[in-house]
């Protein structure tokens, strides 16, 4: 029997799986700590803890919407920083364009967010309409560049973001098409679709190009020599769901995070990431193994006034799958 002994105030979970590269059995433990964010940036342990996620969660239909949460039961090489957020107009007044961003110590990332706009022809020249005023706009991939060209005979779509807006495989298909509302400031939307960039803060689906390119080669040789294991050219970076510029080698706690025009009603807010040490004790056939939890995901959700941190630990249990007894979680928090 696999029991959970949770000595923390946070949500815990555990999962028995197979290492896709070696075929060995892995017992993975995950702890998710959720904190409430006050308007002055102070963190307190949230009364309602976000649950550990066992499989990908989408905003709507998997094929037609963006990813909201990736499974917590994966072993990531590095740490994902993810934001599920909305652009907030300054002082709650409407605007047509807002620069939003996040800083983490010396690292930063900014995006432009626009009101709705589209391509139109004026005197035969293709041009963009002025963006409409807004108070808030969701920073989701549905509002970023991408999507499907409905006028394309071969059903062309953007393999980097098939749920977005603004994609066309021909300039002649752009007329009356909506432009993306979320852009990288260095890459404004152009008339040439292939030169446009996908911009966002949130997780990327595993079947989109940014992650799928790390999945390896599934050809005849793989079927004959490796199936059902992963191909030899599989890269564990596949498990990182954040945009590549939001993947970190280390986040140790004590770092200051600043949110700019992302927290409702507050133009800028500073948050200090808490230092937390997580210990996981696995007990298999009466033998205990203590493993330190490794931080792998940091999720900021300003609309929910919530910051969540996910740690995982794992142990090889090949041949002892029926002798798993319990995993115990303990923690020490240091608010700086």
C-alpha atoms as a PDB file:
ATOM      1  CA  UNK A   1       0.000   0.000   0.000  1.00  0.00           C
ATOM      2  CA  UNK A   2       1.360   3.440  -0.968  1.00  0.00           C
ATOM      3  CA  UNK A   3       0.409   5.943   1.721  1.00  0.00           C
ATOM      4  CA  UNK A   4       1.225   9.642   2.017  1.00  0.00           C
ATOM      5  CA  UNK A   5       2.391  11.040   5.337  1.00  0.00           C
ATOM      6  CA  UNK A   6       2.197  14.809   4.891  1.00  0.00           C
ATOM      7  CA  UNK A   7       3.796  16.838   7.678  1.00  0.00           C
ATOM      8  CA  UNK A   8       3.432  20.111   5.726  1.00  0.00           C
ATOM      9  CA  UNK A   9       0.630  22.622   5.124  1.00  0.00           C
ATOM     10  CA  UNK A  10       0.818  21.975   1.402  1.00  0.00           C
ATOM     11  CA  UNK A  11      -0.698  19.628  -1.182  1.00  0.00           C
ATOM     12  CA  UNK A  12       1.103  16.338  -1.779  1.00  0.00           C
ATOM     13  CA  UNK A  13       0.883  13.512  -4.279  1.00  0.00           C
ATOM     14  CA  UNK A  14       2.728  10.426  -5.447  1.00  0.00           C
ATOM     15  CA  UNK A  15       2.797   8.378  -8.620  1.00  0.00           C
ATOM     16  CA  UNK A  16       4.292   5.084  -9.758  1.00  0.00           C
ATOM     17  CA  UNK A  17       5.553   5.274 -13.323  1.00  0.00           C
ATOM     18  CA  UNK A  18       8.129   3.905 -15.745  1.00  0.00           C
ATOM     19  CA  UNK A  19      11.282   5.719 -16.750  1.00  0.00           C
ATOM     20  CA  UNK A  20      10.743   6.079 -20.484  1.00  0.00           C
ATOM     21  CA  UNK A  21      14.467   6.000 -21.207  1.00  0.00           C
ATOM     22  CA  UNK A  22      15.519   3.005 -19.087  1.00  0.00           C
ATOM     23  CA  UNK A  23      12.270   1.113 -18.521  1.00  0.00           C
ATOM     24  CA  UNK A  24      12.892   1.031 -14.765  1.00  0.00           C
ATOM     25  CA  UNK A  25      10.113   1.740 -12.276  1.00  0.00           C
ATOM     26  CA  UNK A  26      10.099   5.141 -10.601  1.00  0.00           C
ATOM     27  CA  UNK A  27       8.190   6.237  -7.543  1.00  0.00           C
ATOM     28  CA  UNK A  28       7.724  10.005  -7.879  1.00  0.00           C
ATOM     29  CA  UNK A  29       6.588  12.267  -5.048  1.00  0.00           C
ATOM     30  CA  UNK A  30       5.411  15.844  -5.621  1.00  0.00           C
ATOM     31  CA  UNK A  31       4.667  18.646  -3.183  1.00  0.00           C
ATOM     32  CA  UNK A  32       2.912  21.852  -4.254  1.00  0.00           C
ATOM     33  CA  UNK A  33       3.037  24.860  -1.921  1.00  0.00           C
ATOM     34  CA  UNK A  34       0.587  27.681  -2.599  1.00  0.00           C
ATOM     35  CA  UNK A  35       0.907  31.172  -1.124  1.00  0.00           C
ATOM     36  CA  UNK A  36      -1.530  34.071  -1.158  1.00  0.00           C
ATOM     37  CA  UNK A  37      -0.099  37.332  -2.510  1.00  0.00           C
ATOM     38  CA  UNK A  38      -1.257  40.519  -0.800  1.00  0.00           C
ATOM     39  CA  UNK A  39      -1.394  43.875  -2.606  1.00  0.00           C
ATOM     40  CA  UNK A  40       1.866  44.886  -0.942  1.00  0.00           C
ATOM     41  CA  UNK A  41       3.583  41.694  -2.081  1.00  0.00           C
ATOM     42  CA  UNK A  42       3.584  39.798   1.206  1.00  0.00           C
ATOM     43  CA  UNK A  43       3.165  36.030   1.021  1.00  0.00           C
ATOM     44  CA  UNK A  44       1.147  33.895   3.414  1.00  0.00           C
ATOM     45  CA  UNK A  45       0.325  30.211   3.207  1.00  0.00           C
ATOM     46  CA  UNK A  46      -2.908  29.968   1.211  1.00  0.00           C
ATOM     47  CA  UNK A  47      -5.941  28.643   3.059  1.00  0.00           C
ATOM     48  CA  UNK A  48      -6.892  26.670  -0.036  1.00  0.00           C
ATOM     49  CA  UNK A  49      -3.941  24.815  -1.518  1.00  0.00           C
ATOM     50  CA  UNK A  50      -3.795  24.191  -5.282  1.00  0.00           C
ATOM     51  CA  UNK A  51      -3.837  20.473  -5.974  1.00  0.00           C
ATOM     52  CA  UNK A  52      -0.970  18.458  -7.396  1.00  0.00           C
ATOM     53  CA  UNK A  53      -1.694  17.912 -11.105  1.00  0.00           C
ATOM     54  CA  UNK A  54      -1.387  14.349 -12.397  1.00  0.00           C
ATOM     55  CA  UNK A  55      -2.044  15.030 -16.089  1.00  0.00           C
ATOM     56  CA  UNK A  56      -2.094  18.058 -18.416  1.00  0.00           C
ATOM     57  CA  UNK A  57      -4.959  20.501 -17.848  1.00  0.00           C
ATOM     58  CA  UNK A  58      -6.164  22.619 -20.787  1.00  0.00           C
ATOM     59  CA  UNK A  59      -8.205  25.798 -20.750  1.00  0.00           C
ATOM     60  CA  UNK A  60     -10.866  24.115 -22.844  1.00  0.00           C
ATOM     61  CA  UNK A  61     -10.735  21.356 -25.455  1.00  0.00           C
ATOM     62  CA  UNK A  62      -7.178  19.971 -25.723  1.00  0.00           C
ATOM     63  CA  UNK A  63      -6.955  20.429 -29.489  1.00  0.00           C
ATOM     64  CA  UNK A  64      -8.456  23.909 -29.520  1.00  0.00           C
ATOM     65  CA  UNK A  65      -7.035  25.616 -26.440  1.00  0.00           C
ATOM     66  CA  UNK A  66      -3.757  26.306 -24.707  1.00  0.00           C
ATOM     67  CA  UNK A  67      -2.240  24.422 -21.811  1.00  0.00           C
ATOM     68  CA  UNK A  68      -3.070  25.702 -18.319  1.00  0.00           C
ATOM     69  CA  UNK A  69      -1.074  23.259 -16.175  1.00  0.00           C
ATOM     70  CA  UNK A  70       1.366  20.489 -17.088  1.00  0.00           C
ATOM     71  CA  UNK A  71       1.600  17.328 -14.998  1.00  0.00           C
ATOM     72  CA  UNK A  72       3.625  17.726 -11.804  1.00  0.00           C
ATOM     73  CA  UNK A  73       4.830  14.112 -12.010  1.00  0.00           C
ATOM     74  CA  UNK A  74       7.745  14.628 -14.386  1.00  0.00           C
ATOM     75  CA  UNK A  75      11.455  15.040 -13.756  1.00  0.00           C
ATOM     76  CA  UNK A  76      12.569  18.348 -15.264  1.00  0.00           C
ATOM     77  CA  UNK A  77      16.280  19.097 -15.829  1.00  0.00           C
ATOM     78  CA  UNK A  78      15.730  22.751 -14.867  1.00  0.00           C
ATOM     79  CA  UNK A  79      13.113  25.039 -13.312  1.00  0.00           C
ATOM     80  CA  UNK A  80      10.080  26.458 -15.127  1.00  0.00           C
ATOM     81  CA  UNK A  81       8.788  29.932 -14.291  1.00  0.00           C
ATOM     82  CA  UNK A  82       5.186  30.233 -15.482  1.00  0.00           C
ATOM     83  CA  UNK A  83       2.630  33.030 -15.321  1.00  0.00           C
ATOM     84  CA  UNK A  84      -1.091  32.666 -15.860  1.00  0.00           C
ATOM     85  CA  UNK A  85      -1.947  36.347 -15.961  1.00  0.00           C
ATOM     86  CA  UNK A  86      -3.838  39.220 -17.542  1.00  0.00           C
ATOM     87  CA  UNK A  87      -2.511  42.545 -18.713  1.00  0.00           C
ATOM     88  CA  UNK A  88      -3.915  45.300 -16.487  1.00  0.00           C
ATOM     89  CA  UNK A  89      -4.395  48.847 -17.752  1.00  0.00           C
ATOM     90  CA  UNK A  90      -2.766  51.519 -15.606  1.00  0.00           C
ATOM     91  CA  UNK A  91      -4.858  52.748 -12.660  1.00  0.00           C
ATOM     92  CA  UNK A  92      -7.833  50.751 -13.920  1.00  0.00           C
ATOM     93  CA  UNK A  93      -8.278  53.193 -16.821  1.00  0.00           C
ATOM     94  CA  UNK A  94      -8.768  51.882 -20.334  1.00  0.00           C
ATOM     95  CA  UNK A  95      -5.798  51.822 -22.677  1.00  0.00           C
ATOM     96  CA  UNK A  96      -5.100  50.560 -26.184  1.00  0.00           C
ATOM     97  CA  UNK A  97      -1.571  49.274 -25.513  1.00  0.00           C
ATOM     98  CA  UNK A  98       0.146  48.186 -22.315  1.00  0.00           C
ATOM     99  CA  UNK A  99       3.688  47.067 -21.589  1.00  0.00           C
ATOM    100  CA  UNK A 100       3.636  44.241 -19.056  1.00  0.00           C
ATOM    101  CA  UNK A 101       6.508  42.315 -17.573  1.00  0.00           C
ATOM    102  CA  UNK A 102       8.183  40.287 -14.878  1.00  0.00           C
ATOM    103  CA  UNK A 103      11.608  40.652 -13.292  1.00  0.00           C
ATOM    104  CA  UNK A 104      13.450  38.069 -11.238  1.00  0.00           C
ATOM    105  CA  UNK A 105      16.629  39.604  -9.854  1.00  0.00           C
ATOM    106  CA  UNK A 106      18.616  40.589 -12.995  1.00  0.00           C
ATOM    107  CA  UNK A 107      16.442  38.621 -15.422  1.00  0.00           C
ATOM    108  CA  UNK A 108      13.415  40.250 -17.022  1.00  0.00           C
ATOM    109  CA  UNK A 109      10.851  39.689 -19.733  1.00  0.00           C
ATOM    110  CA  UNK A 110       8.373  42.169 -21.197  1.00  0.00           C
ATOM    111  CA  UNK A 111       5.471  41.900 -23.626  1.00  0.00           C
ATOM    112  CA  UNK A 112       3.205  44.387 -25.354  1.00  0.00           C
ATOM    113  CA  UNK A 113      -0.516  43.754 -25.032  1.00  0.00           C
ATOM    114  CA  UNK A 114      -2.985  45.469 -27.369  1.00  0.00           C
ATOM    115  CA  UNK A 115      -6.702  45.898 -27.632  1.00  0.00           C
ATOM    116  CA  UNK A 116      -8.397  43.989 -30.448  1.00  0.00           C
ATOM    117  CA  UNK A 117      -7.334  45.020 -33.964  1.00  0.00           C
ATOM    118  CA  UNK A 118      -7.346  43.599 -37.482  1.00  0.00           C
ATOM    119  CA  UNK A 119      -5.858  43.847 -40.944  1.00  0.00           C
ATOM    120  CA  UNK A 120      -7.862  45.944 -43.405  1.00  0.00           C
ATOM    121  CA  UNK A 121      -7.281  47.352 -46.872  1.00  0.00           C
ATOM    122  CA  UNK A 122      -7.300  51.130 -47.280  1.00  0.00           C
ATOM    123  CA  UNK A 123      -6.943  52.394 -50.834  1.00  0.00           C
ATOM    124  CA  UNK A 124      -5.720  48.925 -51.766  1.00  0.00           C
ATOM    125  CA  UNK A 125      -2.980  48.943 -49.099  1.00  0.00           C
ATOM    126  CA  UNK A 126      -3.043  46.395 -46.293  1.00  0.00           C
ATOM    127  CA  UNK A 127      -2.851  48.141 -42.919  1.00  0.00           C
ATOM    128  CA  UNK A 128      -3.652  47.593 -39.253  1.00  0.00           C
ATOM    129  CA  UNK A 129      -6.631  49.168 -37.501  1.00  0.00           C
ATOM    130  CA  UNK A 130      -6.039  51.115 -34.304  1.00  0.00           C
ATOM    131  CA  UNK A 131      -6.378  48.837 -31.239  1.00  0.00           C
ATOM    132  CA  UNK A 132      -9.560  49.171 -29.208  1.00  0.00           C
ATOM    133  CA  UNK A 133      -9.393  50.303 -25.562  1.00  0.00           C
ATOM    134  CA  UNK A 134      -9.302  47.653 -22.839  1.00  0.00           C
ATOM    135  CA  UNK A 135      -9.027  47.360 -19.071  1.00  0.00           C
ATOM    136  CA  UNK A 136      -7.582  43.843 -19.068  1.00  0.00           C
ATOM    137  CA  UNK A 137      -6.588  41.231 -21.639  1.00  0.00           C
ATOM    138  CA  UNK A 138      -5.711  37.587 -20.867  1.00  0.00           C
ATOM    139  CA  UNK A 139      -2.094  36.801 -21.728  1.00  0.00           C
ATOM    140  CA  UNK A 140      -2.873  33.442 -23.281  1.00  0.00           C
ATOM    141  CA  UNK A 141      -1.691  31.823 -26.476  1.00  0.00           C
ATOM    142  CA  UNK A 142      -5.172  32.236 -27.918  1.00  0.00           C
ATOM    143  CA  UNK A 143      -4.303  35.962 -28.015  1.00  0.00           C
ATOM    144  CA  UNK A 144      -0.756  35.477 -29.334  1.00  0.00           C
ATOM    145  CA  UNK A 145       0.372  35.040 -32.920  1.00  0.00           C
ATOM    146  CA  UNK A 146      -0.563  31.690 -34.439  1.00  0.00           C
ATOM    147  CA  UNK A 147      -3.705  29.787 -35.352  1.00  0.00           C
ATOM    148  CA  UNK A 148      -5.143  28.177 -38.454  1.00  0.00           C
ATOM    149  CA  UNK A 149      -5.546  29.720 -41.888  1.00  0.00           C
ATOM    150  CA  UNK A 150      -9.214  29.062 -42.612  1.00  0.00           C
ATOM    151  CA  UNK A 151      -8.731  30.140 -46.237  1.00  0.00           C
ATOM    152  CA  UNK A 152      -5.885  27.729 -46.878  1.00  0.00           C
ATOM    153  CA  UNK A 153      -6.729  24.787 -49.123  1.00  0.00           C
ATOM    154  CA  UNK A 154      -4.356  22.493 -47.235  1.00  0.00           C
ATOM    155  CA  UNK A 155      -5.438  23.563 -43.736  1.00  0.00           C
ATOM    156  CA  UNK A 156      -2.192  25.374 -42.966  1.00  0.00           C
ATOM    157  CA  UNK A 157      -1.553  26.245 -39.328  1.00  0.00           C
ATOM    158  CA  UNK A 158       1.232  27.550 -37.124  1.00  0.00           C
ATOM    159  CA  UNK A 159       3.006  24.537 -35.607  1.00  0.00           C
ATOM    160  CA  UNK A 160       4.334  26.748 -32.785  1.00  0.00           C
ATOM    161  CA  UNK A 161       0.852  27.849 -31.681  1.00  0.00           C
ATOM    162  CA  UNK A 162      -2.135  26.329 -33.489  1.00  0.00           C
ATOM    163  CA  UNK A 163      -4.651  28.034 -31.156  1.00  0.00           C
ATOM    164  CA  UNK A 164      -3.499  31.639 -31.733  1.00  0.00           C
ATOM    165  CA  UNK A 165      -4.643  34.406 -34.064  1.00  0.00           C
ATOM    166  CA  UNK A 166      -3.174  36.206 -37.061  1.00  0.00           C
ATOM    167  CA  UNK A 167      -1.628  33.279 -38.963  1.00  0.00           C
ATOM    168  CA  UNK A 168      -2.013  33.071 -42.750  1.00  0.00           C
ATOM    169  CA  UNK A 169       0.078  31.168 -45.250  1.00  0.00           C
ATOM    170  CA  UNK A 170      -0.430  33.943 -47.803  1.00  0.00           C
ATOM    171  CA  UNK A 171      -0.566  37.740 -47.527  1.00  0.00           C
ATOM    172  CA  UNK A 172      -3.746  37.647 -49.609  1.00  0.00           C
ATOM    173  CA  UNK A 173      -5.485  35.868 -46.703  1.00  0.00           C
ATOM    174  CA  UNK A 174      -4.734  38.635 -44.167  1.00  0.00           C
ATOM    175  CA  UNK A 175      -7.555  41.041 -45.047  1.00  0.00           C
ATOM    176  CA  UNK A 176     -10.074  41.311 -42.164  1.00  0.00           C
ATOM    177  CA  UNK A 177      -8.002  38.874 -40.096  1.00  0.00           C
ATOM    178  CA  UNK A 178      -7.557  39.637 -36.394  1.00  0.00           C
ATOM    179  CA  UNK A 179      -4.054  40.524 -35.249  1.00  0.00           C
ATOM    180  CA  UNK A 180      -2.488  39.016 -32.140  1.00  0.00           C
ATOM    181  CA  UNK A 181      -2.981  41.025 -28.946  1.00  0.00           C
ATOM    182  CA  UNK A 182       0.173  39.737 -27.232  1.00  0.00           C
ATOM    183  CA  UNK A 183       3.537  40.539 -28.835  1.00  0.00           C
ATOM    184  CA  UNK A 184       7.240  40.473 -28.104  1.00  0.00           C
ATOM    185  CA  UNK A 185       8.314  44.167 -28.158  1.00  0.00           C
ATOM    186  CA  UNK A 186      11.285  43.259 -30.380  1.00  0.00           C
ATOM    187  CA  UNK A 187       9.117  41.482 -32.962  1.00  0.00           C
ATOM    188  CA  UNK A 188       5.969  43.435 -33.902  1.00  0.00           C
ATOM    189  CA  UNK A 189       3.486  41.638 -36.134  1.00  0.00           C
ATOM    190  CA  UNK A 190       4.370  41.879 -39.810  1.00  0.00           C
ATOM    191  CA  UNK A 191       2.569  41.184 -43.049  1.00  0.00           C
ATOM    192  CA  UNK A 192       4.939  38.260 -43.691  1.00  0.00           C
ATOM    193  CA  UNK A 193       3.520  35.506 -41.423  1.00  0.00           C
ATOM    194  CA  UNK A 194       6.693  33.418 -41.240  1.00  0.00           C
ATOM    195  CA  UNK A 195       8.602  36.324 -39.645  1.00  0.00           C
ATOM    196  CA  UNK A 196       6.173  36.666 -36.738  1.00  0.00           C
ATOM    197  CA  UNK A 197       6.899  35.375 -33.245  1.00  0.00           C
ATOM    198  CA  UNK A 198       4.750  33.608 -30.652  1.00  0.00           C
ATOM    199  CA  UNK A 199       4.753  35.522 -27.360  1.00  0.00           C
ATOM    200  CA  UNK A 200       3.512  34.526 -23.927  1.00  0.00           C
ATOM    201  CA  UNK A 201       4.239  33.737 -20.287  1.00  0.00           C
ATOM    202  CA  UNK A 202       2.310  30.475 -19.929  1.00  0.00           C
ATOM    203  CA  UNK A 203       3.040  26.769 -20.429  1.00  0.00           C
ATOM    204  CA  UNK A 204       3.496  25.311 -23.913  1.00  0.00           C
ATOM    205  CA  UNK A 205       1.721  22.142 -25.010  1.00  0.00           C
ATOM    206  CA  UNK A 206       3.876  19.061 -25.526  1.00  0.00           C
ATOM    207  CA  UNK A 207       2.783  18.646 -29.157  1.00  0.00           C
ATOM    208  CA  UNK A 208       3.736  22.196 -30.175  1.00  0.00           C
ATOM    209  CA  UNK A 209       7.018  22.625 -32.031  1.00  0.00           C
ATOM    210  CA  UNK A 210       8.881  24.314 -29.167  1.00  0.00           C
ATOM    211  CA  UNK A 211       8.689  21.113 -27.092  1.00  0.00           C
ATOM    212  CA  UNK A 212       8.023  18.419 -29.681  1.00  0.00           C
ATOM    213  CA  UNK A 213      11.441  18.999 -31.283  1.00  0.00           C
ATOM    214  CA  UNK A 214      12.976  17.449 -28.148  1.00  0.00           C
ATOM    215  CA  UNK A 215      10.752  14.347 -28.237  1.00  0.00           C
ATOM    216  CA  UNK A 216      13.097  12.312 -30.427  1.00  0.00           C
ATOM    217  CA  UNK A 217      12.699  10.273 -33.608  1.00  0.00           C
ATOM    218  CA  UNK A 218       9.872   7.752 -33.811  1.00  0.00           C
ATOM    219  CA  UNK A 219      10.759   5.854 -36.971  1.00  0.00           C
ATOM    220  CA  UNK A 220      11.052   2.240 -38.075  1.00  0.00           C
ATOM    221  CA  UNK A 221      14.393   1.797 -36.286  1.00  0.00           C
ATOM    222  CA  UNK A 222      12.795   3.007 -33.058  1.00  0.00           C
ATOM    223  CA  UNK A 223       9.883   0.595 -33.474  1.00  0.00           C
ATOM    224  CA  UNK A 224      12.209  -2.332 -34.040  1.00  0.00           C
ATOM    225  CA  UNK A 225      14.848  -1.563 -31.423  1.00  0.00           C
ATOM    226  CA  UNK A 226      13.379   0.684 -28.700  1.00  0.00           C
ATOM    227  CA  UNK A 227       9.574   0.508 -28.542  1.00  0.00           C
ATOM    228  CA  UNK A 228       7.923   1.024 -26.043  1.00  0.00           C
ATOM    229  CA  UNK A 229      10.854   3.009 -24.600  1.00  0.00           C
ATOM    230  CA  UNK A 230      11.668   6.531 -25.692  1.00  0.00           C
ATOM    231  CA  UNK A 231      14.021   6.978 -28.656  1.00  0.00           C
ATOM    232  CA  UNK A 232      17.729   7.380 -27.969  1.00  0.00           C
ATOM    233  CA  UNK A 233      17.667  10.984 -29.198  1.00  0.00           C
ATOM    234  CA  UNK A 234      14.943  11.970 -26.720  1.00  0.00           C
ATOM    235  CA  UNK A 235      15.984  15.116 -24.838  1.00  0.00           C
ATOM    236  CA  UNK A 236      14.676  15.643 -21.252  1.00  0.00           C
ATOM    237  CA  UNK A 237      14.222  19.323 -22.135  1.00  0.00           C
ATOM    238  CA  UNK A 238      10.936  18.044 -23.545  1.00  0.00           C
ATOM    239  CA  UNK A 239       9.590  18.106 -19.982  1.00  0.00           C
ATOM    240  CA  UNK A 240      10.161  21.862 -19.626  1.00  0.00           C
ATOM    241  CA  UNK A 241       6.788  23.440 -20.400  1.00  0.00           C
ATOM    242  CA  UNK A 242       7.809  27.106 -19.971  1.00  0.00           C
ATOM    243  CA  UNK A 243       8.974  29.254 -22.883  1.00  0.00           C
ATOM    244  CA  UNK A 244      12.724  28.764 -23.247  1.00  0.00           C
ATOM    245  CA  UNK A 245      13.503  32.239 -21.885  1.00  0.00           C
ATOM    246  CA  UNK A 246      11.609  31.333 -18.688  1.00  0.00           C
ATOM    247  CA  UNK A 247      13.663  28.235 -17.841  1.00  0.00           C
ATOM    248  CA  UNK A 248      16.195  28.649 -15.014  1.00  0.00           C
ATOM    249  CA  UNK A 249      19.154  26.643 -13.782  1.00  0.00           C
ATOM    250  CA  UNK A 250      18.370  27.610 -10.200  1.00  0.00           C
ATOM    251  CA  UNK A 251      15.829  29.460  -8.071  1.00  0.00           C
ATOM    252  CA  UNK A 252      16.906  29.057  -4.460  1.00  0.00           C
ATOM    253  CA  UNK A 253      14.582  31.441  -2.638  1.00  0.00           C
ATOM    254  CA  UNK A 254      15.293  34.975  -1.539  1.00  0.00           C
ATOM    255  CA  UNK A 255      15.044  36.300  -5.103  1.00  0.00           C
ATOM    256  CA  UNK A 256      12.845  39.358  -5.635  1.00  0.00           C
ATOM    257  CA  UNK A 257      10.176  39.050  -8.314  1.00  0.00           C
ATOM    258  CA  UNK A 258       8.508  42.147  -9.689  1.00  0.00           C
ATOM    259  CA  UNK A 259       5.231  42.054 -11.604  1.00  0.00           C
ATOM    260  CA  UNK A 260       4.500  45.048 -13.842  1.00  0.00           C
ATOM    261  CA  UNK A 261       0.871  45.675 -14.838  1.00  0.00           C
ATOM    262  CA  UNK A 262      -0.023  42.068 -14.076  1.00  0.00           C
ATOM    263  CA  UNK A 263      -1.540  42.270 -10.580  1.00  0.00           C
ATOM    264  CA  UNK A 264      -5.108  43.685 -10.532  1.00  0.00           C
ATOM    265  CA  UNK A 265      -5.214  47.231  -9.200  1.00  0.00           C
ATOM    266  CA  UNK A 266      -1.462  47.453  -8.525  1.00  0.00           C
ATOM    267  CA  UNK A 267       0.841  48.738 -11.325  1.00  0.00           C
ATOM    268  CA  UNK A 268       3.976  47.211  -9.768  1.00  0.00           C
ATOM    269  CA  UNK A 269       4.311  44.639  -7.011  1.00  0.00           C
ATOM    270  CA  UNK A 270       7.420  43.067  -5.481  1.00  0.00           C
ATOM    271  CA  UNK A 271       7.424  39.507  -4.140  1.00  0.00           C
ATOM    272  CA  UNK A 272      10.265  37.757  -2.358  1.00  0.00           C
ATOM    273  CA  UNK A 273      10.419  34.042  -3.198  1.00  0.00           C
ATOM    274  CA  UNK A 274      10.466  32.072   0.082  1.00  0.00           C
ATOM    275  CA  UNK A 275      13.299  29.686   0.884  1.00  0.00           C
ATOM    276  CA  UNK A 276      11.832  26.248   1.473  1.00  0.00           C
ATOM    277  CA  UNK A 277      13.610  22.960   2.060  1.00  0.00           C
ATOM    278  CA  UNK A 278      11.589  19.866   1.274  1.00  0.00           C
ATOM    279  CA  UNK A 279      12.472  16.410   2.530  1.00  0.00           C
ATOM    280  CA  UNK A 280      10.892  13.223   1.159  1.00  0.00           C
ATOM    281  CA  UNK A 281      11.266   9.904   2.921  1.00  0.00           C
ATOM    282  CA  UNK A 282      10.388   6.866   0.818  1.00  0.00           C
ATOM    283  CA  UNK A 283       9.759   3.581   2.593  1.00  0.00           C
ATOM    284  CA  UNK A 284      10.012   0.416   0.490  1.00  0.00           C
ATOM    285  CA  UNK A 285       9.854  -3.038   2.066  1.00  0.00           C
ATOM    286  CA  UNK A 286      10.627  -1.539   5.507  1.00  0.00           C
ATOM    287  CA  UNK A 287      13.709   0.289   4.192  1.00  0.00           C
ATOM    288  CA  UNK A 288      13.740   4.105   4.203  1.00  0.00           C
ATOM    289  CA  UNK A 289      15.398   6.389   1.692  1.00  0.00           C
ATOM    290  CA  UNK A 290      15.547  10.150   2.321  1.00  0.00           C
ATOM    291  CA  UNK A 291      15.590  12.339  -0.771  1.00  0.00           C
ATOM    292  CA  UNK A 292      15.650  16.161  -0.924  1.00  0.00           C
ATOM    293  CA  UNK A 293      12.809  17.704  -2.886  1.00  0.00           C
ATOM    294  CA  UNK A 294      13.949  19.538  -6.002  1.00  0.00           C
ATOM    295  CA  UNK A 295      12.142  22.703  -7.066  1.00  0.00           C
ATOM    296  CA  UNK A 296      10.967  22.290 -10.642  1.00  0.00           C
ATOM    297  CA  UNK A 297       8.082  24.712 -11.197  1.00  0.00           C
ATOM    298  CA  UNK A 298       7.165  28.200 -10.015  1.00  0.00           C
ATOM    299  CA  UNK A 299       3.674  29.361 -11.026  1.00  0.00           C
ATOM    300  CA  UNK A 300       2.429  32.925 -10.531  1.00  0.00           C
ATOM    301  CA  UNK A 301      -1.309  33.599 -10.925  1.00  0.00           C
ATOM    302  CA  UNK A 302      -2.030  37.255 -10.115  1.00  0.00           C
ATOM    303  CA  UNK A 303      -5.775  36.992 -10.788  1.00  0.00           C
ATOM    304  CA  UNK A 304      -5.920  34.342  -8.077  1.00  0.00           C
ATOM    305  CA  UNK A 305      -3.443  36.287  -5.874  1.00  0.00           C
ATOM    306  CA  UNK A 306      -1.482  33.041  -5.783  1.00  0.00           C
ATOM    307  CA  UNK A 307       2.090  31.849  -6.102  1.00  0.00           C
ATOM    308  CA  UNK A 308       2.724  28.095  -6.226  1.00  0.00           C
ATOM    309  CA  UNK A 309       5.964  26.150  -6.002  1.00  0.00           C
ATOM    310  CA  UNK A 310       6.335  22.480  -6.972  1.00  0.00           C
ATOM    311  CA  UNK A 311       9.061  20.122  -5.748  1.00  0.00           C
ATOM    312  CA  UNK A 312       9.607  16.519  -6.781  1.00  0.00           C
ATOM    313  CA  UNK A 313      11.687  13.630  -5.538  1.00  0.00           C
ATOM    314  CA  UNK A 314      11.944  10.111  -6.903  1.00  0.00           C
ATOM    315  CA  UNK A 315      13.371   6.701  -6.132  1.00  0.00           C
ATOM    316  CA  UNK A 316      14.029   3.639  -8.273  1.00  0.00           C
ATOM    317  CA  UNK A 317      11.738   0.814  -7.157  1.00  0.00           C
ATOM    318  CA  UNK A 318      12.227  -1.721  -9.954  1.00  0.00           C
ATOM    319  CA  UNK A 319      11.224  -5.187  -8.766  1.00  0.00           C
ATOM    320  CA  UNK A 320       9.718  -3.795  -5.565  1.00  0.00           C
ATOM    321  CA  UNK A 321       6.561  -2.257  -6.984  1.00  0.00           C
ATOM    322  CA  UNK A 322       4.373  -4.324  -4.635  1.00  0.00           C
ATOM    323  CA  UNK A 323       6.388  -3.357  -1.559  1.00  0.00           C
ATOM    324  CA  UNK A 324       5.911   0.422  -1.587  1.00  0.00           C
ATOM    325  CA  UNK A 325       4.753   1.470   1.875  1.00  0.00           C
ATOM    326  CA  UNK A 326       4.714   5.237   2.326  1.00  0.00           C
ATOM    327  CA  UNK A 327       6.302   8.538   1.379  1.00  0.00           C
ATOM    328  CA  UNK A 328       6.618  11.247   4.021  1.00  0.00           C
ATOM    329  CA  UNK A 329       6.890  14.968   3.302  1.00  0.00           C
ATOM    330  CA  UNK A 330       8.506  17.468   5.656  1.00  0.00           C
ATOM    331  CA  UNK A 331       9.503  21.092   5.138  1.00  0.00           C
ATOM    332  CA  UNK A 332      11.247  24.116   6.591  1.00  0.00           C
ATOM    333  CA  UNK A 333      10.242  27.611   5.467  1.00  0.00           C
ATOM    334  CA  UNK A 334      12.337  30.747   5.700  1.00  0.00           C
ATOM    335  CA  UNK A 335      10.567  33.984   4.772  1.00  0.00           C
ATOM    336  CA  UNK A 336      13.171  36.585   3.886  1.00  0.00           C
END
